[in-house]
Protein backbone atom coordinates (compact mmCIF):
# COMPACT_ATOMS: atom_id res chain seq x y z
CA UNK A 1 -12.07 -19.12 -3.00
CA UNK A 2 -10.95 -15.91 -4.82
CA UNK A 3 -7.96 -17.78 -6.61
CA UNK A 4 -10.27 -20.20 -8.15
CA UNK A 5 -10.78 -19.70 -12.08
CA UNK A 6 -14.43 -20.03 -13.34
CA UNK A 7 -15.71 -21.06 -16.68
CA UNK A 8 -19.00 -19.06 -17.11
CA UNK A 9 -21.68 -19.22 -19.92
CA UNK A 10 -24.67 -17.09 -20.53
CA UNK A 11 -27.42 -17.71 -22.77
CA UNK A 12 -29.66 -14.92 -23.59
CA UNK A 13 -33.31 -15.41 -24.95
CA UNK A 14 -35.96 -13.34 -26.90
CA UNK A 15 -39.29 -14.01 -27.76
CA UNK A 16 -39.68 -14.36 -31.52
CA UNK A 17 -42.29 -13.32 -33.81
CA UNK A 18 -44.32 -16.75 -32.91
CA UNK A 19 -44.33 -16.08 -29.25
CA UNK A 20 -42.08 -18.51 -28.48
CA UNK A 21 -38.76 -17.75 -26.30
CA UNK A 22 -35.68 -18.26 -28.61
CA UNK A 23 -31.92 -18.57 -27.61
CA UNK A 24 -30.05 -15.87 -29.86
CA UNK A 25 -26.95 -14.89 -28.06
CA UNK A 26 -24.62 -16.95 -25.92
CA UNK A 27 -21.43 -15.64 -24.15
CA UNK A 28 -18.75 -17.70 -22.69
CA UNK A 29 -16.17 -16.37 -20.44
CA UNK A 30 -13.04 -18.57 -19.53
CA UNK A 31 -10.39 -18.20 -16.74
CA UNK A 32 -13.05 -16.06 -14.92
CA UNK A 33 -12.13 -14.51 -11.69
CA UNK A 34 -15.14 -12.67 -9.57
CA UNK A 35 -13.60 -9.24 -8.39
CA UNK A 36 -16.47 -7.28 -6.67
CA UNK A 37 -20.24 -7.59 -5.88
CA UNK A 38 -22.11 -4.50 -4.98
CA UNK A 39 -25.41 -3.56 -4.04
CA UNK A 40 -26.91 -0.52 -4.41
CA UNK A 41 -30.22 0.14 -2.53
CA UNK A 42 -31.89 3.44 -3.08
CA UNK A 43 -35.39 4.14 -1.81
CA UNK A 44 -37.97 5.03 -4.96
CA UNK A 45 -35.40 3.65 -7.37
CA UNK A 46 -34.52 0.16 -8.83
CA UNK A 47 -32.26 -2.09 -6.79
CA UNK A 48 -29.29 -2.92 -8.47
CA UNK A 49 -26.32 -5.56 -7.95
CA UNK A 50 -23.31 -5.07 -9.93
CA UNK A 51 -20.90 -8.01 -10.39
CA UNK A 52 -17.39 -7.22 -11.48
CA UNK A 53 -15.29 -10.13 -13.46
CA UNK A 54 -11.81 -10.05 -14.98
CA UNK A 55 -11.42 -13.03 -17.46
CA UNK A 56 -8.78 -14.17 -20.09
CA UNK A 57 -10.89 -15.12 -22.66
CA UNK A 58 -14.24 -14.15 -24.12
CA UNK A 59 -16.36 -15.89 -26.71
CA UNK A 60 -19.30 -14.08 -28.23
CA UNK A 61 -21.90 -16.01 -30.67
CA UNK A 62 -24.98 -14.52 -32.03
CA UNK A 63 -27.21 -17.56 -32.71
CA UNK A 64 -29.51 -15.85 -35.36
CA UNK A 65 -26.44 -14.25 -37.46
CA UNK A 66 -24.12 -17.37 -36.98
CA UNK A 67 -21.38 -14.74 -36.10
CA UNK A 68 -18.73 -15.20 -33.86
CA UNK A 69 -16.43 -12.59 -31.71
CA UNK A 70 -13.69 -12.80 -29.24
CA UNK A 71 -14.61 -9.55 -28.18
CA UNK A 72 -17.92 -8.09 -26.48
CA UNK A 73 -20.10 -6.70 -29.34
CA UNK A 74 -22.28 -4.31 -27.87
CA UNK A 75 -25.20 -2.52 -30.09
CA UNK A 76 -24.38 0.83 -31.33
CA UNK A 77 -26.75 2.55 -28.67
CA UNK A 78 -25.44 0.79 -25.65
CA UNK A 79 -24.14 4.03 -23.77
CA UNK A 80 -27.91 5.49 -24.48
CA UNK A 81 -29.38 2.17 -22.94
CA UNK A 82 -27.02 2.36 -19.58
CA UNK A 83 -26.15 5.84 -18.78
CA UNK A 84 -23.08 5.85 -16.45
CA UNK A 85 -23.60 7.07 -13.08
CA UNK A 86 -23.71 10.90 -12.20
CA UNK A 87 -20.70 12.43 -10.34
CA UNK A 88 -21.25 13.54 -6.92
CA UNK A 89 -20.62 17.13 -6.39
CA UNK A 90 -18.39 16.07 -3.76
CA UNK A 91 -15.71 15.39 -6.46
CA UNK A 92 -15.81 18.08 -7.98
CA UNK A 93 -13.31 19.76 -5.64
CA UNK A 94 -10.78 17.29 -6.73
CA UNK A 95 -10.91 18.30 -10.21
CA UNK A 96 -8.57 21.29 -10.47
CA UNK A 97 -5.42 22.33 -8.21
CA UNK A 98 -5.79 26.43 -9.13
CA UNK A 99 -6.61 27.78 -5.52
CA UNK A 100 -4.81 29.96 -3.64
CA UNK A 101 -3.87 27.81 -1.13
CA UNK A 102 -1.77 25.83 -3.77
CA UNK A 103 -0.55 29.14 -5.21
CA UNK A 104 1.06 29.72 -1.20
CA UNK A 105 2.18 25.87 -1.44
CA UNK A 106 4.07 26.59 -4.76
CA UNK A 107 5.52 29.74 -3.29
CA UNK A 108 7.02 27.81 -0.37
CA UNK A 109 8.27 24.68 -2.61
CA UNK A 110 10.22 27.19 -4.56
CA UNK A 111 11.78 29.18 -1.91
CA UNK A 112 12.90 25.91 -0.40
CA UNK A 113 13.85 23.85 -3.49
CA UNK A 114 15.51 27.13 -5.05
CA UNK A 115 13.44 27.24 -8.05
CA UNK A 116 11.19 30.19 -7.93
CA UNK A 117 11.04 31.12 -11.34
CA UNK A 118 9.85 27.39 -12.20
CA UNK A 119 7.06 27.32 -9.45
CA UNK A 120 5.81 30.93 -10.47
CA UNK A 121 5.35 29.18 -13.97
CA UNK A 122 3.72 26.31 -12.43
CA UNK A 123 1.44 28.67 -10.67
CA UNK A 124 0.72 30.46 -14.00
CA UNK A 125 0.10 27.67 -16.10
CA UNK A 126 -2.35 26.19 -13.28
CA UNK A 127 -4.26 29.43 -13.73
CA UNK A 128 -7.36 30.15 -11.29
CA UNK A 129 -6.21 31.53 -8.04
CA UNK A 130 -3.07 30.04 -8.20
CA UNK A 131 -0.86 32.92 -9.07
CA UNK A 132 -2.85 35.19 -6.72
CA UNK A 133 -1.81 32.85 -3.87
CA UNK A 134 1.56 32.73 -5.19
CA UNK A 135 2.00 36.42 -5.11
CA UNK A 136 0.62 36.47 -1.49
CA UNK A 137 3.70 34.94 -0.48
CA UNK A 138 6.34 36.17 -2.83
CA UNK A 139 5.73 39.72 -3.56
CA UNK A 140 7.54 42.93 -3.12
CA UNK A 141 6.54 43.09 0.80
CA UNK A 142 7.26 39.83 1.40
CA UNK A 143 10.90 39.76 -0.39
CA UNK A 144 12.64 40.25 3.00
CA UNK A 145 11.25 37.37 4.51
CA UNK A 146 11.96 35.36 1.32
CA UNK A 147 15.61 36.66 1.63
CA UNK A 148 16.08 35.55 4.91
CA UNK A 149 14.37 32.15 4.58
CA UNK A 150 16.34 31.69 1.32
CA UNK A 151 19.51 32.70 3.29
CA UNK A 152 18.80 29.94 5.78
CA UNK A 153 18.24 27.33 3.37
CA UNK A 154 21.33 28.28 1.55
CA UNK A 155 23.50 27.61 4.49
CA UNK A 156 21.95 24.09 4.46
CA UNK A 157 23.02 23.82 0.97
CA UNK A 158 25.46 26.34 -0.12
CA UNK A 159 24.87 26.18 -4.09
CA UNK A 160 25.95 29.53 -5.76
CA UNK A 161 23.39 28.75 -8.40
CA UNK A 162 20.50 28.89 -6.31
CA UNK A 163 21.90 31.97 -4.63
CA UNK A 164 21.87 33.87 -7.72
CA UNK A 165 18.46 32.65 -9.05
CA UNK A 166 16.91 33.98 -5.82
CA UNK A 167 18.45 37.20 -5.90
CA UNK A 168 17.67 37.23 -9.95
CA UNK A 169 14.20 36.83 -8.97
CA UNK A 170 14.18 39.05 -6.27
CA UNK A 171 15.84 41.94 -8.22
CA UNK A 172 12.66 41.41 -10.73
CA UNK A 173 10.74 41.97 -7.98
CA UNK A 174 12.32 45.41 -7.52
CA UNK A 175 12.46 46.28 -10.96
CA UNK A 176 16.63 46.01 -11.07
């Protein structure tokens, strides 16, 4: 049952200097829910199973040092022991939105929303090729199309401020 709260206790053992097993660490989870179980089987690598648990309370006891914590105390070099998974190459395409396609999309959004300069500023802030894509849509050669599109949009939303803003931007393109 996914709604059942669990009580979990984990005992950790080590081999002492006399060659005997001794319990040295104890972790107790109260109000725990099993969230997920993931299996990873890769050829020529160690098979792994990851169990994700959410819990309401944790108790950690270091039995040798006789200390208790209400949080998980990890060793200083824990991150060197368990390295995070390397990111796939496929995730790199989602890192930044600064392509020409994004610039073209911003230009269209600027015309449609009547905020040409605001959308241009956004394209400039994104950097990369975003401003080039923006300029492909809104430049001196395409100003006529922008005027026609803007006038069609203005008939839908007759707003004098929007009309003035579009004209001021187109005037800047022509050097007026």
